């Protein structure tokens, strides 16, 4: 009898030390994300950019000078210097250090990317939830409104909105955020439609749970994975849009540093002083690519179909 008890205990997997700890969706996703080398590189690069942007005031002015102030007495001798140990990215036409302006420009780009994505995500979640959960006339109105927004060229629509509400960094991320909700609403609507008819939703409704509670506690947690992926990629798109607006003169106002303004100022010197345009261009390229690779890695990590057996 004792032998049978021992065997039964081993068969159940207790006491043998072979039990694998259960993982949640997010811990399991993090486990798979760490094995994606491109995503890890993207996380490291984004972390470096964020750390540099946050701590810039502590060391950049002492090492590289001001991103906006110019010394008229030294501008003739400091103008358009090539990259060197003293000025790693060279200097611009007014003698300002290009690396300094790239670093401070990252603050604006990251702020616009995060804040604009936050606005569009909140609006998209609300509109998508209303359209998918209630359906009927709500679904028709919201989706047709989304079609109207998507029918216009995105950048042109942002320019028109900025022309109405005015320029400025605050209006830039407001305009980008307001016009970015339709895509997120469509993604969230599709995710909700795939889970709202599940048994646990019907059980919660039968127990008298309110619509807000059902959406917040049951539908949203099971639909949020696709939104996390889309929002991460959307940050890169917002950064690119801000750079395009600043390049066209509709975004950040000089002398504030912006990657788009730096490219616009440096394009006329591309043949003789290419660093004036290439350095901010590389900053845009690497940052947008990092958010795209991170979003791609999150998509694979959060895909339950790819879960290891």
Protein backbone atom coordinates (compact mmCIF):
# COMPACT_ATOMS: atom_id res chain seq x y z
CA UNK A 1 0.00 0.00 0.00
CA UNK A 2 2.87 2.34 0.85
CA UNK A 3 4.47 1.58 -2.48
CA UNK A 4 1.22 2.46 -4.30
CA UNK A 5 1.01 5.77 -2.48
CA UNK A 6 4.56 6.67 -3.48
CA UNK A 7 3.94 5.71 -7.09
CA UNK A 8 0.71 7.69 -7.16
CA UNK A 9 2.49 10.70 -5.77
CA UNK A 10 5.21 10.51 -8.42
CA UNK A 11 2.64 10.01 -11.18
CA UNK A 12 0.88 13.19 -10.11
CA UNK A 13 4.14 15.05 -10.45
CA UNK A 14 4.30 16.09 -6.77
CA UNK A 15 7.53 16.01 -4.89
CA UNK A 16 9.59 15.07 -7.92
CA UNK A 17 10.83 18.60 -8.64
CA UNK A 18 9.72 18.35 -12.25
CA UNK A 19 6.74 20.72 -12.06
CA UNK A 20 7.16 23.75 -14.33
CA UNK A 21 5.91 26.97 -12.72
CA UNK A 22 2.81 28.31 -14.43
CA UNK A 23 3.30 31.56 -16.35
CA UNK A 24 0.83 34.30 -17.13
CA UNK A 25 0.31 35.63 -20.64
CA UNK A 26 2.63 38.58 -20.00
CA UNK A 27 5.40 36.60 -18.30
CA UNK A 28 5.23 34.03 -21.07
CA UNK A 29 5.37 36.83 -23.67
CA UNK A 30 8.40 38.36 -21.93
CA UNK A 31 10.08 34.95 -21.97
CA UNK A 32 9.63 34.70 -25.75
CA UNK A 33 10.47 38.37 -26.34
CA UNK A 34 13.88 37.95 -24.69
CA UNK A 35 14.75 35.29 -27.26
CA UNK A 36 14.07 37.68 -30.15
CA UNK A 37 17.45 39.31 -30.75
CA UNK A 38 16.18 42.15 -32.91
CA UNK A 39 13.55 43.04 -30.32
CA UNK A 40 16.14 42.99 -27.55
CA UNK A 41 18.43 45.26 -29.57
CA UNK A 42 15.47 47.59 -30.16
CA UNK A 43 14.70 47.70 -26.43
CA UNK A 44 18.34 48.50 -25.62
CA UNK A 45 18.49 51.28 -28.25
CA UNK A 46 15.19 52.82 -27.13
CA UNK A 47 16.36 52.69 -23.50
CA UNK A 48 19.59 54.47 -24.44
CA UNK A 49 17.73 57.21 -26.32
CA UNK A 50 15.27 57.70 -23.45
CA UNK A 51 18.06 57.83 -20.86
CA UNK A 52 20.05 60.36 -22.91
CA UNK A 53 16.97 62.53 -23.51
CA UNK A 54 15.99 62.55 -19.82
CA UNK A 55 19.49 63.31 -18.49
CA UNK A 56 20.53 65.76 -21.24
CA UNK A 57 20.35 68.85 -18.99
CA UNK A 58 22.84 67.31 -16.57
CA UNK A 59 25.75 66.97 -19.00
CA UNK A 60 25.04 68.17 -22.54
CA UNK A 61 25.32 71.97 -21.93
CA UNK A 62 28.67 71.55 -20.16
CA UNK A 63 30.08 69.31 -22.87
CA UNK A 64 28.46 70.44 -26.12
CA UNK A 65 26.90 73.84 -25.34
CA UNK A 66 23.36 75.12 -25.90
CA UNK A 67 21.12 73.67 -28.64
CA UNK A 68 19.58 77.10 -29.39
CA UNK A 69 21.98 79.88 -28.35
CA UNK A 70 24.51 81.18 -30.88
CA UNK A 71 27.71 83.16 -30.31
CA UNK A 72 27.82 85.78 -33.06
CA UNK A 73 31.50 86.52 -32.37
CA UNK A 74 32.43 82.87 -32.98
CA UNK A 75 29.87 81.89 -35.60
CA UNK A 76 32.20 82.55 -38.54
CA UNK A 77 34.92 80.27 -37.17
CA UNK A 78 32.56 77.62 -35.74
CA UNK A 79 30.23 77.40 -38.73
CA UNK A 80 29.85 74.02 -40.48
CA UNK A 81 32.83 72.34 -38.83
CA UNK A 82 33.25 68.65 -39.78
CA UNK A 83 32.87 65.90 -37.15
CA UNK A 84 35.74 65.87 -34.67
CA UNK A 85 36.55 64.86 -31.10
CA UNK A 86 35.24 68.20 -29.84
CA UNK A 87 32.12 68.09 -32.03
CA UNK A 88 31.34 64.41 -32.82
CA UNK A 89 28.56 65.29 -35.28
CA UNK A 90 30.08 68.58 -36.49
CA UNK A 91 28.46 72.00 -36.26
CA UNK A 92 25.67 73.66 -38.24
CA UNK A 93 25.62 76.90 -40.23
CA UNK A 94 25.22 78.97 -37.03
CA UNK A 95 28.02 77.21 -35.18
CA UNK A 96 25.76 75.11 -32.95
CA UNK A 97 26.82 71.55 -32.12
CA UNK A 98 24.81 69.08 -34.21
CA UNK A 99 25.02 66.27 -31.62
CA UNK A 100 23.64 68.63 -28.98
CA UNK A 101 20.67 69.50 -31.20
CA UNK A 102 20.09 65.85 -32.10
CA UNK A 103 19.97 64.95 -28.40
CA UNK A 104 17.53 67.72 -27.52
CA UNK A 105 15.55 66.94 -30.67
CA UNK A 106 15.05 63.41 -29.34
CA UNK A 107 13.09 64.91 -26.43
CA UNK A 108 10.57 66.45 -28.79
CA UNK A 109 10.33 63.35 -30.97
CA UNK A 110 9.83 60.97 -28.05
CA UNK A 111 7.34 63.30 -26.35
CA UNK A 112 5.29 63.67 -29.52
CA UNK A 113 5.46 59.93 -30.23
CA UNK A 114 4.33 58.87 -26.74
CA UNK A 115 1.72 61.59 -26.12
CA UNK A 116 0.19 61.42 -29.60
CA UNK A 117 -0.01 57.63 -29.39
CA UNK A 118 -1.58 57.87 -25.92
CA UNK A 119 -4.29 60.21 -27.22
CA UNK A 120 -5.05 58.11 -30.30
CA UNK A 121 -5.01 54.89 -28.25
CA UNK A 122 -7.48 56.18 -25.66
CA UNK A 123 -9.82 57.51 -28.35
CA UNK A 124 -9.46 54.32 -30.39
CA UNK A 125 -10.20 52.09 -27.40
CA UNK A 126 -13.34 54.02 -26.52
CA UNK A 127 -14.66 54.16 -30.08
CA UNK A 128 -13.72 50.57 -30.85
CA UNK A 129 -15.35 49.30 -27.66
CA UNK A 130 -18.59 51.17 -28.37
CA UNK A 131 -18.68 49.91 -31.96
CA UNK A 132 -17.95 46.26 -31.19
CA UNK A 133 -19.80 45.73 -27.93
CA UNK A 134 -23.04 47.53 -28.72
CA UNK A 135 -23.03 47.08 -32.49
CA UNK A 136 -26.01 48.24 -34.50
CA UNK A 137 -26.26 51.97 -35.06
CA UNK A 138 -23.18 52.64 -32.89
CA UNK A 139 -21.07 50.34 -35.02
CA UNK A 140 -22.35 51.93 -38.24
CA UNK A 141 -21.78 55.53 -37.13
CA UNK A 142 -18.31 54.96 -35.65
CA UNK A 143 -17.00 52.83 -38.51
CA UNK A 144 -18.31 55.23 -41.16
CA UNK A 145 -16.69 58.08 -39.26
CA UNK A 146 -13.45 56.11 -39.23
CA UNK A 147 -13.79 55.60 -43.00
CA UNK A 148 -14.11 59.37 -43.46
CA UNK A 149 -10.94 59.98 -41.43
CA UNK A 150 -9.03 57.30 -43.32
CA UNK A 151 -10.19 58.60 -46.70
CA UNK A 152 -8.04 61.73 -46.37
CA UNK A 153 -4.23 61.61 -46.79
CA UNK A 154 -2.96 61.46 -43.19
CA UNK A 155 -0.15 64.03 -43.34
CA UNK A 156 -2.26 66.46 -45.36
CA UNK A 157 -5.09 66.08 -42.84
CA UNK A 158 -2.67 66.88 -39.98
CA UNK A 159 -1.41 69.97 -41.83
CA UNK A 160 -4.98 71.20 -42.35
CA UNK A 161 -5.79 70.67 -38.67
CA UNK A 162 -2.62 72.51 -37.60
CA UNK A 163 -3.55 75.37 -39.91
CA UNK A 164 -6.85 75.62 -38.02
CA UNK A 165 -5.66 75.22 -34.41
CA UNK A 166 -2.23 76.81 -34.90
CA UNK A 167 1.38 75.65 -34.73
CA UNK A 168 3.30 74.64 -31.63
CA UNK A 169 4.53 71.42 -30.09
CA UNK A 170 1.33 70.96 -28.05
CA UNK A 171 -0.87 71.25 -31.11
CA UNK A 172 1.35 68.84 -33.03
CA UNK A 173 0.79 65.89 -30.72
CA UNK A 174 -2.88 66.82 -30.29
CA UNK A 175 -3.40 66.82 -34.07
CA UNK A 176 -1.49 63.58 -34.60
CA UNK A 177 -3.32 61.94 -31.69
CA UNK A 178 -6.80 63.00 -32.75
CA UNK A 179 -6.33 61.82 -36.32
CA UNK A 180 -4.72 58.50 -35.36
CA UNK A 181 -7.68 56.87 -33.59
CA UNK A 182 -9.48 55.18 -36.55
CA UNK A 183 -6.84 52.49 -37.10
CA UNK A 184 -6.67 51.61 -33.41
CA UNK A 185 -10.48 51.56 -33.20
CA UNK A 186 -10.62 49.08 -36.07
CA UNK A 187 -8.00 46.82 -34.47
CA UNK A 188 -9.71 46.91 -31.06
CA UNK A 189 -13.14 46.36 -32.61
CA UNK A 190 -11.90 43.22 -34.38
CA UNK A 191 -10.31 41.95 -31.15
CA UNK A 192 -13.50 42.51 -29.15
CA UNK A 193 -15.69 40.82 -31.77
CA UNK A 194 -13.50 37.71 -31.50
CA UNK A 195 -13.92 37.39 -27.72
CA UNK A 196 -17.24 38.97 -26.73
CA UNK A 197 -19.26 35.85 -27.53
CA UNK A 198 -17.12 33.58 -25.34
CA UNK A 199 -18.71 31.68 -22.45
CA UNK A 200 -17.04 33.72 -19.71
CA UNK A 201 -18.57 36.92 -21.13
CA UNK A 202 -22.03 35.31 -21.23
CA UNK A 203 -21.52 34.08 -17.66
CA UNK A 204 -20.58 37.55 -16.45
CA UNK A 205 -23.62 39.03 -18.19
CA UNK A 206 -25.86 36.36 -16.64
CA UNK A 207 -24.52 37.19 -13.18
CA UNK A 208 -25.65 40.79 -13.64
CA UNK A 209 -22.31 42.45 -14.39
CA UNK A 210 -22.61 45.88 -15.96
CA UNK A 211 -21.45 46.56 -19.50
CA UNK A 212 -18.55 48.70 -18.23
CA UNK A 213 -17.39 45.90 -15.92
CA UNK A 214 -17.64 43.26 -18.63
CA UNK A 215 -15.59 45.40 -21.01
CA UNK A 216 -12.99 46.38 -18.39
CA UNK A 217 -12.60 43.04 -16.59
CA UNK A 218 -13.28 40.41 -19.23
CA UNK A 219 -13.10 41.74 -22.78
CA UNK A 220 -10.32 44.33 -22.54
CA UNK A 221 -7.65 42.08 -20.89
CA UNK A 222 -8.22 39.46 -23.60
CA UNK A 223 -8.08 42.01 -26.42
CA UNK A 224 -5.28 44.31 -25.28
CA UNK A 225 -2.40 42.31 -26.78
CA UNK A 226 -3.06 43.54 -30.32
CA UNK A 227 -3.37 47.14 -29.06
CA UNK A 228 0.01 46.96 -27.32
CA UNK A 229 1.62 45.86 -30.57
CA UNK A 230 -0.12 48.48 -32.68
CA UNK A 231 0.55 51.31 -30.20
CA UNK A 232 4.26 50.46 -30.06
CA UNK A 233 4.55 50.67 -33.83
CA UNK A 234 2.40 53.79 -33.83
CA UNK A 235 4.99 55.63 -31.72
CA UNK A 236 7.48 55.31 -34.56
CA UNK A 237 4.87 56.54 -37.03
CA UNK A 238 4.11 59.59 -34.85
CA UNK A 239 7.83 60.42 -34.63
CA UNK A 240 8.09 60.23 -38.41
CA UNK A 241 5.00 62.42 -38.84
CA UNK A 242 6.38 65.07 -36.46
CA UNK A 243 9.66 65.12 -38.38
CA UNK A 244 7.78 65.55 -41.67
CA UNK A 245 5.67 68.39 -40.25
CA UNK A 246 8.76 70.17 -38.87
CA UNK A 247 10.50 69.69 -42.22
CA UNK A 248 7.54 71.39 -43.92
CA UNK A 249 7.54 74.23 -41.39
CA UNK A 250 4.27 73.17 -39.71
CA UNK A 251 5.69 71.53 -36.60
CA UNK A 252 8.23 72.73 -34.06
CA UNK A 253 9.16 76.40 -34.43
CA UNK A 254 12.84 77.40 -34.65
CA UNK A 255 15.22 77.78 -32.90
CA UNK A 256 13.91 74.79 -30.94
CA UNK A 257 15.72 71.67 -32.13
CA UNK A 258 13.78 69.12 -34.13
CA UNK A 259 15.08 66.35 -36.35
CA UNK A 260 12.82 67.50 -39.18
CA UNK A 261 14.02 71.11 -38.93
CA UNK A 262 17.63 69.95 -38.89
CA UNK A 263 17.12 67.96 -42.09
CA UNK A 264 15.42 70.93 -43.74
CA UNK A 265 18.29 73.25 -42.73
CA UNK A 266 20.97 70.79 -43.82
CA UNK A 267 19.60 69.72 -47.21
CA UNK A 268 21.15 72.68 -49.00
CA UNK A 269 24.58 71.61 -47.74
CA UNK A 270 24.21 67.92 -48.63
CA UNK A 271 26.97 68.01 -51.27
CA UNK A 272 29.52 69.90 -49.14
CA UNK A 273 28.60 69.26 -45.47
CA UNK A 274 26.52 66.05 -45.56
CA UNK A 275 26.65 65.52 -41.77
CA UNK A 276 24.19 68.38 -41.30
CA UNK A 277 21.46 66.26 -42.90
CA UNK A 278 22.70 62.71 -42.39
CA UNK A 279 23.02 62.82 -38.58
CA UNK A 280 19.42 63.79 -37.80
CA UNK A 281 18.32 61.47 -40.60
CA UNK A 282 20.11 58.56 -38.94
CA UNK A 283 18.49 59.50 -35.62
CA UNK A 284 15.04 59.28 -37.21
CA UNK A 285 15.89 56.04 -39.02
CA UNK A 286 17.27 54.20 -35.99
CA UNK A 287 14.55 55.37 -33.61
CA UNK A 288 11.61 54.57 -35.89
CA UNK A 289 13.21 51.24 -36.85
CA UNK A 290 13.68 50.36 -33.17
CA UNK A 291 10.00 50.92 -32.37
CA UNK A 292 9.00 48.94 -35.47
CA UNK A 293 11.23 46.00 -34.52
CA UNK A 294 9.95 46.12 -30.94
CA UNK A 295 6.36 46.08 -32.16
CA UNK A 296 7.13 43.17 -34.45
CA UNK A 297 8.75 41.31 -31.58
CA UNK A 298 5.77 41.98 -29.31
CA UNK A 299 3.44 40.69 -32.00
CA UNK A 300 5.28 37.37 -32.09
CA UNK A 301 5.62 37.21 -28.30
CA UNK A 302 1.94 37.87 -27.62
CA UNK A 303 0.72 35.44 -30.29
CA UNK A 304 -0.65 32.49 -28.31
CA UNK A 305 -0.42 30.29 -31.42
CA UNK A 306 3.38 30.54 -31.15
CA UNK A 307 3.41 29.47 -27.52
CA UNK A 308 5.96 26.78 -26.82
CA UNK A 309 4.54 23.37 -26.16
